[in-house]
Protein backbone atom coordinates (compact mmCIF):
# COMPACT_ATOMS: atom_id res chain seq x y z
CA MET A 1 -150.12 243.41 -54.13
CA LYS A 2 -147.27 243.11 -51.94
CA ARG A 3 -149.40 243.43 -49.35
CA SER A 4 -151.80 241.26 -50.38
CA ILE A 5 -149.66 238.81 -50.57
CA ILE A 6 -147.90 239.22 -46.99
CA VAL A 7 -151.93 239.20 -45.57
CA SER A 8 -152.30 235.36 -47.45
CA LEU A 9 -149.11 234.42 -46.47
CA LEU A 10 -150.40 234.61 -42.46
CA GLY A 11 -153.68 233.55 -43.13
CA PHE A 12 -152.05 230.21 -44.71
CA LEU A 13 -149.77 230.16 -41.39
CA LEU A 14 -152.20 230.79 -39.17
CA LEU A 15 -154.47 227.88 -40.62
CA SER A 16 -151.75 225.88 -40.07
CA GLY A 17 -150.94 226.56 -37.31
CA HIS A 18 -154.72 225.57 -36.16
CA ALA A 19 -154.83 223.10 -38.16
CA ASP A 20 -151.69 221.08 -36.58
CA ALA A 21 -153.59 221.82 -32.82
CA GLN A 22 -156.77 220.47 -33.96
CA GLU A 23 -154.94 216.98 -34.84
CA ALA A 24 -153.52 218.05 -31.39
CA GLU A 25 -156.29 218.40 -29.56
CA ASN A 26 -158.15 215.39 -31.62
CA LEU A 27 -155.72 212.37 -31.05
CA GLN A 28 -157.80 210.99 -28.54
CA GLN A 29 -160.88 211.52 -30.92
CA LEU A 30 -158.89 210.09 -33.86
CA ILE A 31 -158.23 206.52 -31.36
CA ASP A 32 -162.15 206.87 -30.51
CA LYS A 33 -163.19 206.81 -34.37
CA THR A 34 -160.91 204.27 -35.56
CA PRO A 35 -162.50 200.74 -36.06
CA ALA A 36 -161.15 197.81 -33.76
CA GLY A 37 -158.86 195.85 -35.84
CA SER A 38 -158.00 198.80 -38.81
CA VAL A 39 -154.83 200.77 -38.83
CA LEU A 40 -155.11 204.33 -37.89
CA GLU A 41 -152.29 206.65 -39.99
CA LEU A 42 -150.82 209.58 -38.61
CA GLU A 43 -148.91 212.48 -40.20
CA ALA A 44 -145.28 213.49 -40.16
CA ALA A 45 -146.73 216.82 -37.28
CA THR A 46 -147.31 216.56 -33.29
CA TYR A 47 -150.15 215.42 -31.50
CA GLU A 48 -151.66 215.68 -28.02
CA GLY A 49 -150.50 213.20 -25.62
CA ASN A 50 -152.02 211.39 -22.58
CA VAL A 51 -153.97 208.92 -24.41
CA VAL A 52 -155.66 205.65 -23.47
CA ILE A 53 -156.28 202.78 -25.94
CA THR A 54 -159.30 200.41 -25.52
CA LYS A 55 -160.10 198.35 -28.22
CA PRO A 56 -157.61 196.53 -31.15
CA ILE A 57 -156.29 198.98 -33.49
CA THR A 58 -152.80 199.84 -34.88
CA ILE A 59 -151.17 203.31 -34.91
CA LYS A 60 -148.93 204.11 -37.06
CA GLY A 61 -146.41 206.95 -37.47
CA LYS A 62 -144.40 208.33 -40.18
CA LYS A 63 -141.09 209.86 -39.79
CA GLY A 64 -142.04 213.32 -37.99
CA THR A 65 -144.43 212.03 -36.37
CA VAL A 66 -144.64 212.55 -32.35
CA ILE A 67 -146.87 212.23 -29.74
CA LYS A 68 -146.09 214.63 -27.29
CA GLY A 69 -147.52 214.31 -23.20
CA ASP A 70 -148.11 217.09 -21.38
CA LYS A 71 -146.45 215.72 -18.79
CA THR A 72 -148.11 215.08 -15.34
CA VAL A 73 -149.44 211.48 -16.51
CA ASN A 74 -148.70 208.21 -18.57
CA VAL A 75 -148.32 209.18 -22.82
CA ILE A 76 -150.39 205.95 -23.85
CA GLU A 77 -152.07 203.49 -22.25
CA VAL A 78 -152.51 200.41 -23.56
CA ARG A 79 -155.42 199.12 -22.33
CA SER A 80 -156.43 196.40 -24.74
CA GLN A 81 -155.39 193.42 -26.40
CA ASP A 82 -153.56 193.24 -29.47
CA VAL A 83 -152.59 196.50 -29.98
CA THR A 84 -149.23 198.23 -32.29
CA LEU A 85 -147.87 201.11 -32.02
CA ASP A 86 -145.29 201.83 -35.25
CA THR A 87 -143.20 204.54 -36.37
CA LEU A 88 -143.69 207.10 -33.47
CA SER A 89 -141.49 209.14 -31.37
CA ILE A 90 -143.46 209.60 -27.97
CA GLU A 91 -142.26 212.22 -25.02
CA GLY A 92 -143.20 214.07 -22.41
CA SER A 93 -145.07 211.17 -19.29
CA GLY A 94 -145.23 212.21 -15.89
CA MET A 95 -142.01 212.47 -13.64
CA SER A 96 -143.54 212.83 -9.92
CA ARG A 97 -141.76 209.91 -7.83
CA SER A 98 -144.36 210.94 -5.58
CA SER A 99 -147.43 209.88 -6.75
CA GLN A 100 -148.96 206.32 -6.36
CA GLU A 101 -148.01 205.50 -10.32
CA GLU A 102 -144.64 205.40 -11.87
CA TYR A 103 -145.59 207.16 -15.45
CA SER A 104 -144.20 206.09 -18.44
CA ALA A 105 -144.31 206.55 -22.29
CA ILE A 106 -146.17 203.94 -23.07
CA ARG A 107 -147.84 201.88 -20.07
CA VAL A 108 -148.81 198.08 -21.14
CA MET A 109 -151.32 196.55 -19.08
CA ALA A 110 -153.23 193.99 -21.89
CA ASP A 111 -151.84 191.52 -23.86
CA GLY A 112 -150.24 191.04 -27.60
CA ALA A 113 -148.92 194.36 -27.74
CA VAL A 114 -146.49 195.13 -30.52
CA MET A 115 -144.13 198.32 -30.53
CA LYS A 116 -141.88 198.83 -33.15
CA ASN A 117 -139.72 201.25 -34.43
CA LEU A 118 -140.01 204.29 -31.80
CA LYS A 119 -137.95 206.68 -30.58
CA ILE A 120 -139.07 207.46 -26.83
CA SER A 121 -137.16 210.31 -24.60
CA ASP A 122 -137.85 212.66 -22.01
CA CYS A 123 -140.17 210.29 -20.02
CA PHE A 124 -140.07 208.60 -16.26
CA HIS A 125 -139.94 204.84 -17.53
CA GLY A 126 -139.51 204.46 -21.32
CA ILE A 127 -142.00 201.56 -21.39
CA TYR A 128 -144.37 199.81 -18.67
CA LEU A 129 -145.11 196.21 -18.98
CA ASN A 130 -148.19 195.41 -16.31
CA LYS A 131 -149.01 191.85 -15.98
CA THR A 132 -149.11 191.21 -19.96
CA LYS A 133 -148.15 188.23 -22.18
CA HIS A 134 -146.40 188.25 -24.96
CA THR A 135 -145.40 191.77 -25.85
CA THR A 136 -142.88 191.97 -28.70
CA ILE A 137 -141.63 195.11 -28.11
CA SER A 138 -138.42 195.61 -31.81
CA GLY A 139 -136.40 198.32 -32.92
CA VAL A 140 -136.95 201.09 -29.89
CA THR A 141 -134.71 203.83 -29.13
CA ILE A 142 -134.62 204.86 -25.90
CA VAL A 143 -132.85 208.08 -24.36
CA GLY A 144 -132.84 209.04 -19.95
CA GLN A 145 -132.07 211.87 -18.59
CA GLY A 146 -128.23 211.29 -18.53
CA THR A 147 -125.99 209.25 -15.97
CA ASP A 148 -125.97 212.84 -13.72
CA ALA A 149 -129.76 211.78 -12.95
CA LEU A 150 -130.07 208.60 -12.68
CA GLY A 151 -131.73 208.23 -9.76
CA ASN A 152 -134.25 210.40 -10.39
CA GLN A 153 -135.30 208.27 -13.55
CA GLY A 154 -136.78 205.49 -14.09
CA ASN A 155 -136.50 202.07 -16.26
CA GLY A 156 -135.54 202.10 -20.18
CA ILE A 157 -138.11 198.56 -20.11
CA HIS A 158 -139.91 197.88 -16.76
CA ILE A 159 -141.37 194.53 -17.29
CA ALA A 160 -143.15 193.47 -14.12
CA ARG A 161 -145.51 190.07 -13.56
CA SER A 162 -145.47 189.59 -17.48
CA SER A 163 -144.33 186.94 -19.48
CA ASP A 164 -143.86 185.15 -22.47
CA ASN A 165 -142.43 188.84 -24.01
CA HIS A 166 -139.75 189.23 -26.60
CA ILE A 167 -137.50 192.47 -26.56
CA ASP A 168 -135.09 193.01 -29.62
CA HIS A 169 -132.83 194.99 -31.81
CA SER A 170 -133.28 198.04 -29.16
CA HIS A 171 -131.22 200.33 -28.47
CA ILE A 172 -130.83 202.09 -24.17
CA GLU A 173 -128.77 204.42 -22.96
CA LYS A 174 -129.00 206.81 -19.77
CA THR A 175 -131.67 205.69 -17.57
CA ARG A 176 -131.66 203.79 -14.24
CA ASP A 177 -131.62 200.66 -15.29
CA GLY A 178 -131.65 199.76 -18.81
CA ILE A 179 -134.39 196.44 -18.56
CA PHE A 180 -135.72 195.59 -15.11
CA VAL A 181 -137.50 192.55 -15.02
CA GLU A 182 -139.29 191.64 -11.74
CA TYR A 183 -141.70 187.92 -11.05
CA SER A 184 -141.63 187.57 -14.88
CA ASN A 185 -140.58 184.44 -16.39
CA ASP A 186 -140.16 182.46 -20.15
CA ASN A 187 -138.70 185.97 -21.48
CA VAL A 188 -136.10 186.28 -24.46
CA VAL A 189 -134.56 189.55 -24.97
CA SER A 190 -131.43 189.58 -27.63
CA ASP A 191 -129.51 192.06 -29.72
CA ASN A 192 -129.96 194.79 -27.84
CA THR A 193 -127.65 197.65 -26.43
CA MET A 194 -127.83 198.99 -23.29
CA THR A 195 -125.27 201.89 -22.60
CA GLN A 196 -124.22 204.45 -20.18
CA THR A 197 -126.85 203.15 -17.44
CA ARG A 198 -126.93 202.17 -13.79
CA TYR A 199 -127.45 197.87 -14.43
CA GLY A 200 -127.75 197.50 -18.44
CA LEU A 201 -130.37 194.69 -17.43
CA HIS A 202 -130.79 194.00 -13.36
CA TYR A 203 -133.07 191.36 -12.94
CA MET A 204 -134.50 189.49 -10.07
CA TYR A 205 -137.04 186.60 -8.97
CA SER A 206 -137.35 185.77 -12.40
CA ASN A 207 -136.85 182.05 -14.44
CA ASN A 208 -136.58 180.36 -17.76
CA ASN A 209 -135.03 183.22 -19.27
CA GLU A 210 -133.17 183.83 -22.21
CA PHE A 211 -130.63 186.76 -22.80
CA LYS A 212 -128.67 186.36 -26.04
CA ARG A 213 -126.26 188.62 -28.34
CA ASN A 214 -126.93 191.64 -26.64
CA ASN A 215 -123.72 194.62 -25.69
CA PHE A 216 -123.89 195.69 -21.84
CA VAL A 217 -121.45 198.69 -22.70
CA ASP A 218 -120.22 201.76 -20.12
CA ASN A 219 -122.85 201.02 -17.35
CA VAL A 220 -122.15 200.82 -13.93
CA GLY A 221 -122.67 197.07 -13.92
CA GLY A 222 -123.61 195.49 -17.03
CA ALA A 223 -126.66 192.57 -16.08
CA ALA A 224 -127.04 191.45 -12.42
CA ILE A 225 -128.82 188.17 -12.30
CA MET A 226 -130.70 188.14 -8.67
CA HIS A 227 -133.51 185.39 -6.81
CA SER A 228 -133.56 183.82 -10.29
CA ASP A 229 -133.09 180.04 -11.41
CA HIS A 230 -132.84 178.54 -14.93
CA ILE A 231 -131.29 181.28 -16.95
CA LEU A 232 -129.36 181.10 -20.20
CA LEU A 233 -126.91 184.64 -20.79
CA ALA A 234 -125.17 183.37 -24.17
CA ASP A 235 -123.18 185.23 -26.49
CA ASN A 236 -123.52 188.56 -24.81
CA LYS A 237 -120.34 191.19 -25.08
CA PHE A 238 -119.56 192.55 -21.13
CA SER A 239 -117.45 195.36 -21.54
CA PHE A 240 -115.76 198.79 -20.12
CA ASN A 241 -118.20 198.26 -17.04
CA GLN A 242 -115.67 200.39 -14.94
CA GLY A 243 -116.36 201.92 -11.61
CA SER A 244 -116.04 201.80 -8.01
CA ARG A 245 -116.52 197.76 -7.42
CA SER A 246 -118.46 197.36 -11.29
CA PHE A 247 -118.63 194.41 -13.31
CA GLY A 248 -119.53 192.81 -16.65
CA LEU A 249 -122.11 189.89 -15.12
CA ILE A 250 -123.66 190.00 -11.39
CA VAL A 251 -124.99 186.29 -10.66
CA GLN A 252 -126.64 186.52 -7.34
CA THR A 253 -128.38 184.18 -5.23
CA SER A 254 -129.12 182.28 -8.36
CA ARG A 255 -129.02 178.77 -9.22
CA ASP A 256 -128.92 176.89 -12.65
CA VAL A 257 -127.39 179.88 -14.36
CA HIS A 258 -125.48 179.36 -18.19
CA VAL A 259 -123.50 181.75 -18.84
CA LEU A 260 -122.36 180.37 -22.04
CA ASN A 261 -119.74 181.67 -24.79
CA ASN A 262 -120.16 185.16 -24.16
CA GLU A 263 -117.50 188.50 -23.86
CA PHE A 264 -116.04 189.99 -20.73
CA HIS A 265 -113.42 192.58 -22.12
CA LEU A 266 -111.90 196.05 -19.82
CA ASN A 267 -114.50 195.44 -17.18
CA GLN A 268 -113.73 196.29 -13.13
CA ARG A 269 -114.52 192.41 -12.33
CA GLY A 270 -115.93 190.16 -15.53
CA LEU A 271 -117.70 188.09 -13.08
CA TYR A 272 -118.95 188.47 -9.76
CA LEU A 273 -120.88 185.41 -8.41
CA GLU A 274 -122.42 185.02 -4.47
CA GLN A 275 -124.75 183.08 -3.09
CA SER A 276 -125.63 180.79 -5.43
CA THR A 277 -124.93 177.56 -6.25
CA SER A 278 -124.47 174.90 -9.13
CA ASN A 279 -124.27 177.70 -12.37
CA ILE A 280 -121.47 176.50 -15.47
CA ILE A 281 -119.63 178.84 -16.68
CA GLU A 282 -118.61 177.98 -20.34
CA GLY A 283 -116.48 179.31 -23.08
CA ASN A 284 -116.52 182.78 -22.21
CA ASP A 285 -113.42 184.88 -22.89
CA PHE A 286 -112.08 186.75 -20.05
CA PHE A 287 -109.83 189.47 -21.24
CA GLN A 288 -108.33 192.76 -20.08
CA ASN A 289 -110.71 192.67 -16.77
CA GLN A 290 -108.68 193.60 -13.54
CA ILE A 291 -110.27 190.63 -11.90
CA GLY A 292 -111.66 188.20 -14.74
CA VAL A 293 -113.98 185.75 -12.15
CA GLU A 294 -114.67 186.79 -8.45
CA LEU A 295 -116.24 184.03 -6.72
CA TRP A 296 -116.96 184.58 -2.83
CA THR A 297 -117.22 181.22 -1.47
CA SER A 298 -121.25 181.80 -0.23
CA SER A 299 -120.79 180.61 -4.02
CA THR A 300 -121.03 176.11 -4.25
CA ALA A 301 -120.86 173.67 -7.06
CA HIS A 302 -120.11 176.02 -10.15
CA VAL A 303 -118.30 174.78 -13.22
CA PHE A 304 -115.91 176.00 -15.08
CA VAL A 305 -114.85 175.05 -18.83
CA LYS A 306 -113.83 175.74 -21.77
CA ASN A 307 -113.21 179.70 -20.45
CA SER A 308 -110.37 181.73 -21.76
CA PHE A 309 -108.34 183.71 -19.25
CA ARG A 310 -106.09 186.59 -21.07
CA LYS A 311 -104.20 189.21 -19.99
CA ASN A 312 -106.03 190.15 -17.13
CA ARG A 313 -104.75 191.73 -13.85
CA ILE A 314 -106.24 189.05 -11.93
CA HIS A 315 -107.46 186.10 -13.51
CA ALA A 316 -109.19 184.74 -11.24
CA LEU A 317 -110.43 185.80 -6.75
CA THR A 318 -112.06 183.64 -4.82
CA VAL A 319 -113.05 185.49 -1.60
CA GLY A 320 -114.20 184.17 2.34
CA GLY A 321 -111.91 180.61 2.18
CA GLU A 322 -112.13 178.25 0.23
CA SER A 323 -114.25 177.45 -2.27
CA ASN A 324 -115.96 174.01 -3.14
CA ASN A 325 -115.93 174.85 -7.44
CA GLU A 326 -114.54 172.26 -10.20
CA TRP A 327 -112.95 174.22 -12.90
CA PHE A 328 -113.27 171.61 -15.04
CA ARG A 329 -115.28 168.58 -16.60
CA ASN A 330 -114.95 165.37 -18.74
CA GLY A 331 -111.56 165.78 -18.81
CA GLU A 332 -110.97 169.49 -20.09
CA GLY A 333 -110.34 172.23 -18.47
CA ASN A 334 -109.77 176.21 -19.48
CA TYR A 335 -107.38 178.33 -21.13
CA TRP A 336 -104.98 180.44 -18.61
CA ASN A 337 -102.99 182.00 -21.45
CA VAL A 338 -99.58 180.74 -19.28
CA PRO A 339 -96.50 178.99 -20.97
CA MET A 340 -97.04 174.85 -20.21
CA LEU A 341 -95.66 171.71 -21.44
CA ASP A 342 -98.02 169.26 -23.21
CA PHE A 343 -95.88 166.42 -24.74
CA ASP A 344 -98.51 163.91 -25.94
CA LYS A 345 -99.61 166.43 -27.62
CA ASP A 346 -102.81 166.05 -26.70
CA GLY A 347 -104.45 169.97 -26.24
CA ILE A 348 -104.19 169.58 -22.09
CA GLY A 349 -100.80 170.46 -19.99
CA ASP A 350 -99.04 168.22 -18.26
CA ALA A 351 -99.44 168.91 -14.63
CA PRO A 352 -102.10 171.13 -13.68
CA MET A 353 -102.97 174.43 -13.16
CA GLU A 354 -103.04 176.07 -9.99
CA TYR A 355 -103.51 179.87 -10.07
CA THR A 356 -102.44 181.28 -6.93
CA SER A 357 -103.28 184.88 -5.51
CA ALA A 358 -102.91 186.53 -2.02
CA LEU A 359 -105.55 189.27 -2.90
CA GLY A 360 -108.75 187.56 -1.44
CA GLU A 361 -108.16 187.86 2.15
CA LEU A 362 -106.93 191.48 1.81
CA VAL A 363 -110.39 192.33 -1.04
CA GLU A 364 -112.36 190.59 1.74
CA THR A 365 -111.48 193.29 5.27
CA ASN A 366 -111.02 196.31 2.99
CA GLU A 367 -112.79 196.75 0.12
CA LEU A 368 -110.67 200.16 -0.48
CA SER A 369 -108.80 197.67 -2.25
CA TYR A 370 -110.80 197.11 -5.74
CA LEU A 371 -109.59 201.12 -5.79
CA PHE A 372 -105.96 200.09 -6.97
CA LEU A 373 -105.78 197.03 -8.13
CA LEU A 374 -104.43 198.81 -11.17
CA SER A 375 -101.64 199.84 -8.73
CA PRO A 376 -97.44 198.55 -9.18
CA ALA A 377 -98.43 198.51 -5.24
CA ILE A 378 -101.09 195.67 -5.97
CA THR A 379 -98.16 194.11 -8.20
CA ILE A 380 -95.51 194.57 -5.25
CA TYR A 381 -97.88 192.55 -2.87
CA GLU A 382 -98.60 189.44 -5.05
CA LYS A 383 -94.55 189.43 -5.46
CA ALA A 384 -94.11 189.23 -1.75
CA ASN A 385 -96.56 186.84 -1.21
CA GLU A 386 -95.60 184.74 -3.61
CA LEU A 387 -91.62 184.47 -2.32
CA LEU A 388 -93.36 183.99 1.74
CA THR A 389 -95.88 181.30 0.39
CA PHE A 390 -98.52 183.12 1.13
CA GLN A 391 -100.47 183.17 -2.16
CA LYS A 392 -103.64 180.37 -1.53
CA VAL A 393 -104.78 178.56 -4.70
CA MET A 394 -108.02 180.78 -6.53
CA ALA A 395 -108.49 178.21 -8.81
CA TYR A 396 -107.31 174.33 -9.91
CA ASP A 397 -107.80 173.10 -13.34
CA LYS A 398 -106.93 169.64 -13.52
CA TYR A 399 -106.71 169.66 -17.61
CA PRO A 400 -105.74 173.05 -18.68
CA LEU A 401 -106.54 174.25 -22.29
CA MET A 402 -103.07 174.69 -24.23
CA SER A 403 -104.68 176.97 -26.29
CA ASN A 404 -107.61 179.37 -27.04
CA GLN A 405 -110.05 177.08 -28.78
CA LYS A 406 -112.40 180.24 -29.71
CA TYR A 407 -109.79 182.39 -31.33
CA ARG A 408 -107.79 179.19 -33.22
CA GLY A 409 -109.81 179.78 -36.08
CA TYR A 410 -108.66 183.57 -35.57
CA GLU A 411 -104.51 182.62 -35.68
CA TRP A 412 -105.10 180.54 -38.50
CA ALA A 413 -106.75 182.75 -41.19
CA LEU A 414 -104.49 185.76 -39.60
CA LEU A 415 -101.38 183.46 -40.52
CA ALA A 416 -102.95 182.17 -43.71
CA ALA A 417 -103.35 186.18 -44.70
CA VAL A 418 -99.68 186.80 -43.51
CA LEU A 419 -98.12 183.99 -46.09
CA ALA A 420 -99.98 184.98 -48.82
CA LEU A 421 -99.14 188.22 -48.52
CA THR A 422 -95.15 187.26 -48.92
CA GLY A 423 -96.23 185.15 -51.17
CA TRP A 424 -97.14 187.96 -53.18
CA LEU A 425 -94.60 190.22 -51.86
CA VAL A 426 -91.97 187.40 -52.68
CA TYR A 427 -93.27 186.81 -56.31
CA ARG A 428 -93.62 191.03 -57.09
CA LYS A 429 -90.49 191.27 -56.18
CA LYS A 430 -88.71 188.47 -58.67
CA ALA A 431 -90.44 190.19 -61.34
CA MET A 432 -89.32 193.72 -60.85
CA LYS A 433 -85.91 192.10 -61.18
CA ARG A 434 -86.88 190.32 -65.08
């Protein structure tokens, strides 16, 4: 009796293993048999990858559905318009950099693709968009091989010569660049997190794009905007981007970039500007960066207005000589977190703010200076040059703001809470005496 049960159990396990193998071998056949416009529903099993989709279909998995490549080519190639991939784990693309094509978990070569609720790992690139339009990427998690292998792997999402795409609510970590964009216009990237990458966002030769409410944390560089015009970066968070010459955001050889209401917290350099022109830096919070804004004189005609500079080691640093930029507009400047007089109570300092430093020339002539920004030696250097009047004006703000507008509401709310608590404690004390 016992022997028959064991034999039956072994037979069941062998049949189950055979069924899984059949499923894995036949995924391409299942795709080929699915009518155009239909939904192919997969079980919570592992399917063999290296598949090609040549018609508009939806492939929908369950928790535990895995499509696994053999680590030689792309795991999934999308060659048809209007393909949807939903609720899948995808892994095992080719990793070779010597092939004609850099492989990925998903390579999209047609318009209208939708990729949502995906988990991607063990791949060179996560998702590669090649000459596509109207692609949607939402709720995707992409994990690379780690910071020790950044040079040997690809990007989380690579967008090449593609436009009108939307990426939202996704998480990318431990890849070379989180999102890499080249020659691609009119894309919207919002509500994503990029962490432990080289650059969270690396962006070149692309215009009219928007980046909103993204979180760039703990990268070598948060975001790099290069050779691109007409860009909006609004309500993003750039934080803990630390290292040798790290930054929250770099804007290089670009114009008409609007940096609006972002948070730059605890970076080596919050914002770095070089060889750029006619950009607006407005309403941002620079807090506890080693350098709040580093501005090379190859960058001109920028406007800095309504920004808050709080507890940075150096609020603003101009490198390479005098710069032609404005630190106020329409009677409003920036908040500098220093004592100022305001006798007429109009919220504007009675005297212009001249922010000075002697570090510009030191940084220009010796890049090793960045390594010592937190050293007491820098404080001594600044104080000595201040006494000798060798410091230079880094920023001239004619209308400095008396308060931090962005945090005024929080301060009043905190004060109200303190008063309410105090009142309650006084009332309780009187009640106890009775």
